[in-house]
Amino acid sequence: MRWLPVLALILMMPLPAVADGAPNVPCRCRFFGTYFELGQTVCMRTPDGPRLARCSMMLNNTSWDISRESCPQARMTPLPAVPAYRLADFGKSDAVPLSAAAAVPDAR
């Protein structure tokens, strides 16, 4: 019976809090109202011109890591110049482009 008070004390002791771990909150960066996941890159305008920036963690906070690389720009090759014709001349074999017609007075 000597162990009964010891058992009562053990049962009355508060249990240690069980840690569930960190809450599952996704870490994201925000740029112009759009959220980006860690590791994603975006093109940002900086005083040095457009630069690539990567969403990363810094001191337990999300942050943009701006690189020295400029943003890759989509470049389209210019289309070849196509001469413009009058709609009334469409299909005629003797049709003259508008740029040439402006140089020569119209004899029609």
PDB file of N, CA and C in Angstrom:
ATOM      1  N   MET A   1       0.806  -1.196   0.000  1.00  0.00           N
ATOM      2  CA  MET A   1       0.000   0.000   0.000  1.00  0.00           C
ATOM      3  C   MET A   1       0.854   1.268   0.000  1.00  0.00           C
ATOM      4  N   ARG A   2       2.131   1.105   0.236  1.00  0.00           N
ATOM      5  CA  ARG A   2       2.973   2.298   0.226  1.00  0.00           C
ATOM      6  C   ARG A   2       3.078   2.865  -1.183  1.00  0.00           C
ATOM      7  N   TRP A   3       2.868   2.092  -2.157  1.00  0.00           N
ATOM      8  CA  TRP A   3       3.017   2.566  -3.536  1.00  0.00           C
ATOM      9  C   TRP A   3       1.782   3.320  -4.025  1.00  0.00           C
ATOM     10  N   LEU A   4       0.643   3.247  -3.295  1.00  0.00           N
ATOM     11  CA  LEU A   4      -0.582   3.926  -3.702  1.00  0.00           C
ATOM     12  C   LEU A   4      -0.398   5.450  -3.769  1.00  0.00           C
ATOM     13  N   PRO A   5       0.216   6.121  -2.768  1.00  0.00           N
ATOM     14  CA  PRO A   5       0.422   7.570  -2.907  1.00  0.00           C
ATOM     15  C   PRO A   5       1.361   7.914  -4.066  1.00  0.00           C
ATOM     16  N   VAL A   6       2.351   7.069  -4.307  1.00  0.00           N
ATOM     17  CA  VAL A   6       3.264   7.314  -5.426  1.00  0.00           C
ATOM     18  C   VAL A   6       2.512   7.207  -6.746  1.00  0.00           C
ATOM     19  N   LEU A   7       1.651   6.218  -6.865  1.00  0.00           N
ATOM     20  CA  LEU A   7       0.847   6.052  -8.078  1.00  0.00           C
ATOM     21  C   LEU A   7      -0.093   7.236  -8.263  1.00  0.00           C
ATOM     22  N   ALA A   8      -0.672   7.716  -7.181  1.00  0.00           N
ATOM     23  CA  ALA A   8      -1.568   8.870  -7.265  1.00  0.00           C
ATOM     24  C   ALA A   8      -0.801  10.105  -7.730  1.00  0.00           C
ATOM     25  N   LEU A   9       0.410  10.302  -7.224  1.00  0.00           N
ATOM     26  CA  LEU A   9       1.223  11.442  -7.656  1.00  0.00           C
ATOM     27  C   LEU A   9       1.584  11.342  -9.138  1.00  0.00           C
ATOM     28  N   ILE A  10       1.907  10.150  -9.582  1.00  0.00           N
ATOM     29  CA  ILE A  10       2.256   9.955 -10.995  1.00  0.00           C
ATOM     30  C   ILE A  10       1.061  10.264 -11.884  1.00  0.00           C
ATOM     31  N   LEU A  11      -0.121   9.819 -11.480  1.00  0.00           N
ATOM     32  CA  LEU A  11      -1.312  10.051 -12.296  1.00  0.00           C
ATOM     33  C   LEU A  11      -1.726  11.520 -12.299  1.00  0.00           C
ATOM     34  N   MET A  12      -1.400  12.257 -11.245  1.00  0.00           N
ATOM     35  CA  MET A  12      -1.789  13.664 -11.176  1.00  0.00           C
ATOM     36  C   MET A  12      -0.787  14.581 -11.871  1.00  0.00           C
ATOM     37  N   MET A  13       0.359  14.077 -12.252  1.00  0.00           N
ATOM     38  CA  MET A  13       1.360  14.905 -12.929  1.00  0.00           C
ATOM     39  C   MET A  13       0.864  15.274 -14.325  1.00  0.00           C
ATOM     40  N   PRO A  14       1.086  16.497 -14.722  1.00  0.00           N
ATOM     41  CA  PRO A  14       0.663  16.863 -16.080  1.00  0.00           C
ATOM     42  C   PRO A  14       1.518  16.133 -17.112  1.00  0.00           C
ATOM     43  N   LEU A  15       0.870  15.712 -18.166  1.00  0.00           N
ATOM     44  CA  LEU A  15       1.579  15.029 -19.244  1.00  0.00           C
ATOM     45  C   LEU A  15       2.289  16.066 -20.114  1.00  0.00           C
ATOM     46  N   PRO A  16       3.460  15.747 -20.581  1.00  0.00           N
ATOM     47  CA  PRO A  16       4.143  16.705 -21.463  1.00  0.00           C
ATOM     48  C   PRO A  16       3.355  16.880 -22.758  1.00  0.00           C
ATOM     49  N   ALA A  17       3.388  18.081 -23.271  1.00  0.00           N
ATOM     50  CA  ALA A  17       2.673  18.365 -24.516  1.00  0.00           C
ATOM     51  C   ALA A  17       3.328  17.597 -25.653  1.00  0.00           C
ATOM     52  N   VAL A  18       2.504  16.968 -26.428  1.00  0.00           N
ATOM     53  CA  VAL A  18       3.005  16.206 -27.563  1.00  0.00           C
ATOM     54  C   VAL A  18       3.058  17.150 -28.752  1.00  0.00           C
ATOM     55  N   ALA A  19       4.239  17.321 -29.271  1.00  0.00           N
ATOM     56  CA  ALA A  19       4.407  18.222 -30.413  1.00  0.00           C
ATOM     57  C   ALA A  19       3.970  17.511 -31.685  1.00  0.00           C
ATOM     58  N   ASP A  20       3.096  18.169 -32.422  1.00  0.00           N
ATOM     59  CA  ASP A  20       2.630  17.624 -33.696  1.00  0.00           C
ATOM     60  C   ASP A  20       3.591  17.953 -34.822  1.00  0.00           C
ATOM     61  N   GLY A  21       4.612  18.689 -34.535  1.00  0.00           N
ATOM     62  CA  GLY A  21       5.518  19.123 -35.593  1.00  0.00           C
ATOM     63  C   GLY A  21       5.047  20.457 -36.137  1.00  0.00           C
ATOM     64  N   ALA A  22       5.757  20.947 -37.089  1.00  0.00           N
ATOM     65  CA  ALA A  22       5.404  22.229 -37.701  1.00  0.00           C
ATOM     66  C   ALA A  22       4.131  22.075 -38.513  1.00  0.00           C
ATOM     67  N   PRO A  23       3.284  23.087 -38.490  1.00  0.00           N
ATOM     68  CA  PRO A  23       2.083  22.999 -39.311  1.00  0.00           C
ATOM     69  C   PRO A  23       2.464  22.942 -40.790  1.00  0.00           C
ATOM     70  N   ASN A  24       1.650  22.275 -41.561  1.00  0.00           N
ATOM     71  CA  ASN A  24       1.946  22.085 -42.982  1.00  0.00           C
ATOM     72  C   ASN A  24       1.489  23.310 -43.774  1.00  0.00           C
ATOM     73  N   VAL A  25       2.196  24.396 -43.606  1.00  0.00           N
ATOM     74  CA  VAL A  25       1.895  25.627 -44.322  1.00  0.00           C
ATOM     75  C   VAL A  25       2.909  25.762 -45.446  1.00  0.00           C
ATOM     76  N   PRO A  26       2.451  25.873 -46.690  1.00  0.00           N
ATOM     77  CA  PRO A  26       3.417  25.992 -47.790  1.00  0.00           C
ATOM     78  C   PRO A  26       4.124  27.344 -47.747  1.00  0.00           C
ATOM     79  N   CYS A  27       5.418  27.311 -47.933  1.00  0.00           N
ATOM     80  CA  CYS A  27       6.202  28.546 -47.984  1.00  0.00           C
ATOM     81  C   CYS A  27       6.198  29.031 -49.428  1.00  0.00           C
ATOM     82  N   ARG A  28       5.743  30.265 -49.627  1.00  0.00           N
ATOM     83  CA  ARG A  28       5.636  30.814 -50.971  1.00  0.00           C
ATOM     84  C   ARG A  28       6.124  32.254 -50.983  1.00  0.00           C
ATOM     85  N   CYS A  29       6.558  32.684 -52.146  1.00  0.00           N
ATOM     86  CA  CYS A  29       6.927  34.084 -52.361  1.00  0.00           C
ATOM     87  C   CYS A  29       5.787  34.749 -53.132  1.00  0.00           C
ATOM     88  N   ARG A  30       5.684  36.055 -52.992  1.00  0.00           N
ATOM     89  CA  ARG A  30       4.625  36.784 -53.683  1.00  0.00           C
ATOM     90  C   ARG A  30       5.247  37.864 -54.557  1.00  0.00           C
ATOM     91  N   PHE A  31       4.727  37.975 -55.787  1.00  0.00           N
ATOM     92  CA  PHE A  31       5.208  38.986 -56.725  1.00  0.00           C
ATOM     93  C   PHE A  31       4.024  39.471 -57.540  1.00  0.00           C
ATOM     94  N   PHE A  32       3.697  40.741 -57.449  1.00  0.00           N
ATOM     95  CA  PHE A  32       2.567  41.352 -58.141  1.00  0.00           C
ATOM     96  C   PHE A  32       1.274  40.578 -57.908  1.00  0.00           C
ATOM     97  N   GLY A  33       1.033  40.165 -56.661  1.00  0.00           N
ATOM     98  CA  GLY A  33      -0.212  39.490 -56.303  1.00  0.00           C
ATOM     99  C   GLY A  33      -0.271  38.021 -56.656  1.00  0.00           C
ATOM    100  N   THR A  34       0.783  37.473 -57.227  1.00  0.00           N
ATOM    101  CA  THR A  34       0.823  36.058 -57.601  1.00  0.00           C
ATOM    102  C   THR A  34       1.782  35.333 -56.673  1.00  0.00           C
ATOM    103  N   TYR A  35       1.379  34.148 -56.217  1.00  0.00           N
ATOM    104  CA  TYR A  35       2.225  33.356 -55.333  1.00  0.00           C
ATOM    105  C   TYR A  35       3.081  32.390 -56.144  1.00  0.00           C
ATOM    106  N   PHE A  36       4.329  32.231 -55.714  1.00  0.00           N
ATOM    107  CA  PHE A  36       5.272  31.331 -56.361  1.00  0.00           C
ATOM    108  C   PHE A  36       5.841  30.392 -55.313  1.00  0.00           C
ATOM    109  N   GLU A  37       5.991  29.117 -55.678  1.00  0.00           N
ATOM    110  CA  GLU A  37       6.545  28.113 -54.772  1.00  0.00           C
ATOM    111  C   GLU A  37       8.055  28.293 -54.655  1.00  0.00           C
ATOM    112  N   LEU A  38       8.631  27.707 -53.612  1.00  0.00           N
ATOM    113  CA  LEU A  38      10.078  27.769 -53.429  1.00  0.00           C
ATOM    114  C   LEU A  38      10.781  27.164 -54.638  1.00  0.00           C
ATOM    115  N   GLY A  39      11.797  27.835 -55.137  1.00  0.00           N
ATOM    116  CA  GLY A  39      12.565  27.346 -56.276  1.00  0.00           C
ATOM    117  C   GLY A  39      12.099  27.886 -57.613  1.00  0.00           C
ATOM    118  N   GLN A  40      10.904  28.461 -57.687  1.00  0.00           N
ATOM    119  CA  GLN A  40      10.438  29.003 -58.961  1.00  0.00           C
ATOM    120  C   GLN A  40      11.151  30.318 -59.260  1.00  0.00           C
ATOM    121  N   THR A  41      11.322  30.599 -60.542  1.00  0.00           N
ATOM    122  CA  THR A  41      11.983  31.835 -60.956  1.00  0.00           C
ATOM    123  C   THR A  41      10.994  32.739 -61.665  1.00  0.00           C
ATOM    124  N   VAL A  42      11.292  34.027 -61.610  1.00  0.00           N
ATOM    125  CA  VAL A  42      10.448  35.031 -62.243  1.00  0.00           C
ATOM    126  C   VAL A  42      11.361  36.150 -62.744  1.00  0.00           C
ATOM    127  N   CYS A  43      10.915  36.868 -63.743  1.00  0.00           N
ATOM    128  CA  CYS A  43      11.681  37.994 -64.273  1.00  0.00           C
ATOM    129  C   CYS A  43      11.201  39.263 -63.569  1.00  0.00           C
ATOM    130  N   MET A  44      12.115  39.939 -62.860  1.00  0.00           N
ATOM    131  CA  MET A  44      11.777  41.164 -62.124  1.00  0.00           C
ATOM    132  C   MET A  44      12.496  42.355 -62.728  1.00  0.00           C
ATOM    133  N   ARG A  45      11.811  43.486 -62.727  1.00  0.00           N
ATOM    134  CA  ARG A  45      12.459  44.726 -63.151  1.00  0.00           C
ATOM    135  C   ARG A  45      13.238  45.285 -61.968  1.00  0.00           C
ATOM    136  N   THR A  46      14.508  45.542 -62.171  1.00  0.00           N
ATOM    137  CA  THR A  46      15.369  46.105 -61.132  1.00  0.00           C
ATOM    138  C   THR A  46      16.026  47.367 -61.679  1.00  0.00           C
ATOM    139  N   PRO A  47      16.709  48.136 -60.847  1.00  0.00           N
ATOM    140  CA  PRO A  47      17.432  49.308 -61.364  1.00  0.00           C
ATOM    141  C   PRO A  47      18.500  48.932 -62.390  1.00  0.00           C
ATOM    142  N   ASP A  48      18.978  47.677 -62.344  1.00  0.00           N
ATOM    143  CA  ASP A  48      19.976  47.214 -63.313  1.00  0.00           C
ATOM    144  C   ASP A  48      19.337  46.599 -64.549  1.00  0.00           C
ATOM    145  N   GLY A  49      18.030  46.710 -64.695  1.00  0.00           N
ATOM    146  CA  GLY A  49      17.317  46.113 -65.815  1.00  0.00           C
ATOM    147  C   GLY A  49      16.609  44.843 -65.376  1.00  0.00           C
ATOM    148  N   PRO A  50      15.938  44.164 -66.290  1.00  0.00           N
ATOM    149  CA  PRO A  50      15.226  42.937 -65.919  1.00  0.00           C
ATOM    150  C   PRO A  50      16.200  41.838 -65.506  1.00  0.00           C
ATOM    151  N   ARG A  51      15.943  41.218 -64.352  1.00  0.00           N
ATOM    152  CA  ARG A  51      16.811  40.167 -63.814  1.00  0.00           C
ATOM    153  C   ARG A  51      15.974  38.979 -63.374  1.00  0.00           C
ATOM    154  N   LEU A  52      16.595  37.793 -63.432  1.00  0.00           N
ATOM    155  CA  LEU A  52      15.943  36.585 -62.929  1.00  0.00           C
ATOM    156  C   LEU A  52      16.001  36.583 -61.410  1.00  0.00           C
ATOM    157  N   ALA A  53      14.894  36.211 -60.764  1.00  0.00           N
ATOM    158  CA  ALA A  53      14.844  36.111 -59.308  1.00  0.00           C
ATOM    159  C   ALA A  53      14.239  34.761 -58.949  1.00  0.00           C
ATOM    160  N   ARG A  54      14.800  34.112 -57.932  1.00  0.00           N
ATOM    161  CA  ARG A  54      14.346  32.788 -57.495  1.00  0.00           C
ATOM    162  C   ARG A  54      13.761  32.898 -56.091  1.00  0.00           C
ATOM    163  N   CYS A  55      12.621  32.259 -55.882  1.00  0.00           N
ATOM    164  CA  CYS A  55      11.991  32.216 -54.567  1.00  0.00           C
ATOM    165  C   CYS A  55      12.798  31.272 -53.679  1.00  0.00           C
ATOM    166  N   SER A  56      13.265  31.778 -52.523  1.00  0.00           N
ATOM    167  CA  SER A  56      14.092  30.961 -51.637  1.00  0.00           C
ATOM    168  C   SER A  56      13.782  31.309 -50.183  1.00  0.00           C
ATOM    169  N   MET A  57      14.363  30.512 -49.275  1.00  0.00           N
ATOM    170  CA  MET A  57      14.206  30.753 -47.836  1.00  0.00           C
ATOM    171  C   MET A  57      15.458  31.447 -47.317  1.00  0.00           C
ATOM    172  N   MET A  58      15.257  32.477 -46.491  1.00  0.00           N
ATOM    173  CA  MET A  58      16.376  33.163 -45.862  1.00  0.00           C
ATOM    174  C   MET A  58      15.966  33.497 -44.431  1.00  0.00           C
ATOM    175  N   LEU A  59      16.666  32.911 -43.473  1.00  0.00           N
ATOM    176  CA  LEU A  59      16.380  33.128 -42.057  1.00  0.00           C
ATOM    177  C   LEU A  59      14.912  32.854 -41.724  1.00  0.00           C
ATOM    178  N   ASN A  60      14.415  31.708 -42.162  1.00  0.00           N
ATOM    179  CA  ASN A  60      13.060  31.243 -41.869  1.00  0.00           C
ATOM    180  C   ASN A  60      11.971  32.106 -42.512  1.00  0.00           C
ATOM    181  N   ASN A  61      12.323  32.908 -43.515  1.00  0.00           N
ATOM    182  CA  ASN A  61      11.354  33.708 -44.259  1.00  0.00           C
ATOM    183  C   ASN A  61      11.594  33.503 -45.744  1.00  0.00           C
ATOM    184  N   THR A  62      10.523  33.615 -46.514  1.00  0.00           N
ATOM    185  CA  THR A  62      10.704  33.528 -47.959  1.00  0.00           C
ATOM    186  C   THR A  62      11.249  34.858 -48.468  1.00  0.00           C
ATOM    187  N   SER A  63      12.069  34.769 -49.497  1.00  0.00           N
ATOM    188  CA  SER A  63      12.715  35.955 -50.041  1.00  0.00           C
ATOM    189  C   SER A  63      13.039  35.709 -51.508  1.00  0.00           C
ATOM    190  N   TRP A  64      13.180  36.788 -52.260  1.00  0.00           N
ATOM    191  CA  TRP A  64      13.595  36.687 -53.656  1.00  0.00           C
ATOM    192  C   TRP A  64      15.101  36.820 -53.725  1.00  0.00           C
ATOM    193  N   ASP A  65      15.749  35.834 -54.330  1.00  0.00           N
ATOM    194  CA  ASP A  65      17.195  35.852 -54.545  1.00  0.00           C
ATOM    195  C   ASP A  65      17.422  36.313 -55.984  1.00  0.00           C
ATOM    196  N   ILE A  66      17.839  37.566 -56.162  1.00  0.00           N
ATOM    197  CA  ILE A  66      17.977  38.152 -57.497  1.00  0.00           C
ATOM    198  C   ILE A  66      19.357  37.821 -58.043  1.00  0.00           C
ATOM    199  N   SER A  67      19.381  37.244 -59.237  1.00  0.00           N
ATOM    200  CA  SER A  67      20.652  36.843 -59.849  1.00  0.00           C
ATOM    201  C   SER A  67      21.197  37.977 -60.718  1.00  0.00           C
ATOM    202  N   ARG A  68      22.398  37.777 -61.215  1.00  0.00           N
ATOM    203  CA  ARG A  68      23.011  38.761 -62.107  1.00  0.00           C
ATOM    204  C   ARG A  68      22.613  38.528 -63.558  1.00  0.00           C
ATOM    205  N   GLU A  69      21.947  37.403 -63.810  1.00  0.00           N
ATOM    206  CA  GLU A  69      21.537  37.076 -65.180  1.00  0.00           C
ATOM    207  C   GLU A  69      20.365  37.945 -65.593  1.00  0.00           C
ATOM    208  N   SER A  70      20.419  38.440 -66.809  1.00  0.00           N
ATOM    209  CA  SER A  70      19.263  39.158 -67.320  1.00  0.00           C
ATOM    210  C   SER A  70      18.230  38.140 -67.786  1.00  0.00           C
ATOM    211  N   CYS A  71      17.016  38.575 -67.888  1.00  0.00           N
ATOM    212  CA  CYS A  71      15.922  37.675 -68.257  1.00  0.00           C
ATOM    213  C   CYS A  71      16.039  37.262 -69.717  1.00  0.00           C
ATOM    214  N   PRO A  72      15.788  36.000 -69.997  1.00  0.00           N
ATOM    215  CA  PRO A  72      15.761  35.588 -71.406  1.00  0.00           C
ATOM    216  C   PRO A  72      14.509  36.162 -72.058  1.00  0.00           C
ATOM    217  N   GLN A  73      14.687  36.816 -73.154  1.00  0.00           N
ATOM    218  CA  GLN A  73      13.560  37.427 -73.850  1.00  0.00           C
ATOM    219  C   GLN A  73      13.181  36.572 -75.046  1.00  0.00           C
ATOM    220  N   ALA A  74      11.906  36.461 -75.275  1.00  0.00           N
ATOM    221  CA  ALA A  74      11.437  35.735 -76.455  1.00  0.00           C
ATOM    222  C   ALA A  74      11.622  36.662 -77.650  1.00  0.00           C
ATOM    223  N   ARG A  75      12.422  36.221 -78.569  1.00  0.00           N
ATOM    224  CA  ARG A  75      12.693  37.046 -79.743  1.00  0.00           C
ATOM    225  C   ARG A  75      12.052  36.407 -80.960  1.00  0.00           C
ATOM    226  N   MET A  76      11.338  37.221 -81.691  1.00  0.00           N
ATOM    227  CA  MET A  76      10.741  36.750 -82.938  1.00  0.00           C
ATOM    228  C   MET A  76      11.564  37.318 -84.085  1.00  0.00           C
ATOM    229  N   THR A  77      11.808  36.499 -85.066  1.00  0.00           N
ATOM    230  CA  THR A  77      12.497  37.011 -86.243  1.00  0.00           C
ATOM    231  C   THR A  77      11.511  37.883 -87.008  1.00  0.00           C
ATOM    232  N   PRO A  78      11.959  39.002 -87.515  1.00  0.00           N
ATOM    233  CA  PRO A  78      11.027  39.866 -88.235  1.00  0.00           C
ATOM    234  C   PRO A  78      10.504  39.169 -89.483  1.00  0.00           C
ATOM    235  N   LEU A  79       9.254  39.409 -89.750  1.00  0.00           N
ATOM    236  CA  LEU A  79       8.642  38.825 -90.940  1.00  0.00           C
ATOM    237  C   LEU A  79       9.158  39.541 -92.181  1.00  0.00           C
ATOM    238  N   PRO A  80       9.269  38.817 -93.288  1.00  0.00           N
ATOM    239  CA  PRO A  80       9.703  39.482 -94.519  1.00  0.00           C
ATOM    240  C   PRO A  80       8.650  40.497 -94.952  1.00  0.00           C
ATOM    241  N   ALA A  81       9.128  41.569 -95.535  1.00  0.00           N
ATOM    242  CA  ALA A  81       8.212  42.618 -95.982  1.00  0.00           C
ATOM    243  C   ALA A  81       7.373  42.103 -97.142  1.00  0.00           C
ATOM    244  N   VAL A  82       6.080  42.254 -97.016  1.00  0.00           N
ATOM    245  CA  VAL A  82       5.154  41.827 -98.066  1.00  0.00           C
ATOM    246  C   VAL A  82       4.580  43.091 -98.682  1.00  0.00           C
ATOM    247  N   PRO A  83       4.698  43.247 -99.984  1.00  0.00           N
ATOM    248  CA  PRO A  83       4.167  44.464-100.599  1.00  0.00           C
ATOM    249  C   PRO A  83       2.645  44.505-100.494  1.00  0.00           C
ATOM    250  N   ALA A  84       2.119  45.696-100.263  1.00  0.00           N
ATOM    251  CA  ALA A  84       0.673  45.883-100.159  1.00  0.00           C
ATOM    252  C   ALA A  84       0.126  46.297-101.519  1.00  0.00           C
ATOM    253  N   TYR A  85      -1.019  45.733-101.877  1.00  0.00           N
ATOM    254  CA  TYR A  85      -1.684  46.048-103.138  1.00  0.00           C
ATOM    255  C   TYR A  85      -3.050  46.634-102.843  1.00  0.00           C
ATOM    256  N   ARG A  86      -3.573  47.398-103.791  1.00  0.00           N
ATOM    257  CA  ARG A  86      -4.944  47.880-103.674  1.00  0.00           C
ATOM    258  C   ARG A  86      -5.893  46.704-103.800  1.00  0.00           C
ATOM    259  N   LEU A  87      -6.967  46.760-103.051  1.00  0.00           N
ATOM    260  CA  LEU A  87      -7.939  45.672-103.091  1.00  0.00           C
ATOM    261  C   LEU A  87      -8.551  45.542-104.490  1.00  0.00           C
ATOM    262  N   ALA A  88      -8.719  46.650-105.181  1.00  0.00           N
ATOM    263  CA  ALA A  88      -9.307  46.611-106.524  1.00  0.00           C
ATOM    264  C   ALA A  88      -8.374  45.918-107.515  1.00  0.00           C
ATOM    265  N   ASP A  89      -7.067  45.926-107.242  1.00  0.00           N
ATOM    266  CA  ASP A  89      -6.104  45.313-108.146  1.00  0.00           C
ATOM    267  C   ASP A  89      -5.834  43.848-107.812  1.00  0.00           C
ATOM    268  N   PHE A  90      -6.515  43.302-106.821  1.00  0.00           N
ATOM    269  CA  PHE A  90      -6.255  41.935-106.387  1.00  0.00           C
ATOM    270  C   PHE A  90      -6.501  40.953-107.533  1.00  0.00           C
ATOM    271  N   GLY A  91      -5.517  40.136-107.825  1.00  0.00           N
ATOM    272  CA  GLY A  91      -5.644  39.113-108.852  1.00  0.00           C
ATOM    273  C   GLY A  91      -5.220  39.568-110.241  1.00  0.00           C
ATOM    274  N   LYS A  92      -5.005  40.839-110.443  1.00  0.00           N
ATOM    275  CA  LYS A  92      -4.584  41.315-111.756  1.00  0.00           C
ATOM    276  C   LYS A  92      -3.094  41.069-111.924  1.00  0.00           C
ATOM    277  N   SER A  93      -2.695  40.696-113.133  1.00  0.00           N
ATOM    278  CA  SER A  93      -1.284  40.403-113.373  1.00  0.00           C
ATOM    279  C   SER A  93      -0.437  41.671-113.447  1.00  0.00           C
ATOM    280  N   ASP A  94      -1.052  42.811-113.774  1.00  0.00           N
ATOM    281  CA  ASP A  94      -0.280  44.045-113.886  1.00  0.00           C
ATOM    282  C   ASP A  94      -0.393  44.912-112.632  1.00  0.00           C
ATOM    283  N   ALA A  95      -0.785  44.315-111.505  1.00  0.00           N
ATOM    284  CA  ALA A  95      -0.948  45.076-110.262  1.00  0.00           C
ATOM    285  C   ALA A  95       0.407  45.597-109.792  1.00  0.00           C
ATOM    286  N   VAL A  96       0.414  46.826-109.319  1.00  0.00           N
ATOM    287  CA  VAL A  96       1.632  47.483-108.857  1.00  0.00           C
ATOM    288  C   VAL A  96       1.528  47.651-107.344  1.00  0.00           C
ATOM    289  N   PRO A  97       2.571  47.307-106.593  1.00  0.00           N
ATOM    290  CA  PRO A  97       2.516  47.519-105.138  1.00  0.00           C
ATOM    291  C   PRO A  97       2.287  48.984-104.807  1.00  0.00           C
ATOM    292  N   LEU A  98       1.653  49.244-103.657  1.00  0.00           N
ATOM    293  CA  LEU A  98       1.328  50.615-103.261  1.00  0.00           C
ATOM    294  C   LEU A  98       2.570  51.483-103.124  1.00  0.00           C
ATOM    295  N   SER A  99       3.659  50.926-102.639  1.00  0.00           N
ATOM    296  CA  SER A  99       4.869  51.740-102.481  1.00  0.00           C
ATOM    297  C   SER A  99       5.389  52.194-103.847  1.00  0.00           C
ATOM    298  N   ALA A 100       5.296  51.336-104.855  1.00  0.00           N
ATOM    299  CA  ALA A 100       5.727  51.716-106.208  1.00  0.00           C
ATOM    300  C   ALA A 100       4.695  52.614-106.863  1.00  0.00           C
ATOM    301  N   ALA A 101       3.417  52.407-106.550  1.00  0.00           N
ATOM    302  CA  ALA A 101       2.364  53.225-107.146  1.00  0.00           C
ATOM    303  C   ALA A 101       2.437  54.657-106.641  1.00  0.00           C
ATOM    304  N   ALA A 102       2.903  54.862-105.421  1.00  0.00           N
ATOM    305  CA  ALA A 102       3.026  56.217-104.885  1.00  0.00           C
ATOM    306  C   ALA A 102       4.127  56.983-105.613  1.00  0.00           C
ATOM    307  N   ALA A 103       5.132  56.265-106.085  1.00  0.00           N
ATOM    308  CA  ALA A 103       6.230  56.926-106.789  1.00  0.00           C
ATOM    309  C   ALA A 103       5.847  57.268-108.220  1.00  0.00           C
ATOM    310  N   VAL A 104       4.946  56.485-108.824  1.00  0.00           N
ATOM    311  CA  VAL A 104       4.533  56.704-110.212  1.00  0.00           C
ATOM    312  C   VAL A 104       3.115  57.256-110.202  1.00  0.00           C
ATOM    313  N   PRO A 105       2.853  58.371-110.906  1.00  0.00           N
ATOM    314  CA  PRO A 105       1.486  58.907-110.939  1.00  0.00           C
ATOM    315  C   PRO A 105       0.526  57.906-111.572  1.00  0.00           C
ATOM    316  N   ASP A 106      -0.679  57.868-111.026  1.00  0.00           N
ATOM    317  CA  ASP A 106      -1.686  56.915-111.493  1.00  0.00           C
ATOM    318  C   ASP A 106      -2.262  57.413-112.814  1.00  0.00           C
ATOM    319  N   ALA A 107      -2.170  56.596-113.865  1.00  0.00           N
ATOM    320  CA  ALA A 107      -2.640  56.981-115.191  1.00  0.00           C
ATOM    321  C   ALA A 107      -4.015  56.408-115.464  1.00  0.00           C
ATOM    322  N   ARG A 108      -4.662  55.854-114.507  1.00  0.00           N
ATOM    323  CA  ARG A 108      -5.975  55.232-114.746  1.00  0.00           C
ATOM    324  C   ARG A 108      -7.081  56.220-114.731  1.00  0.00           C
TER     325      ARG A 108
END
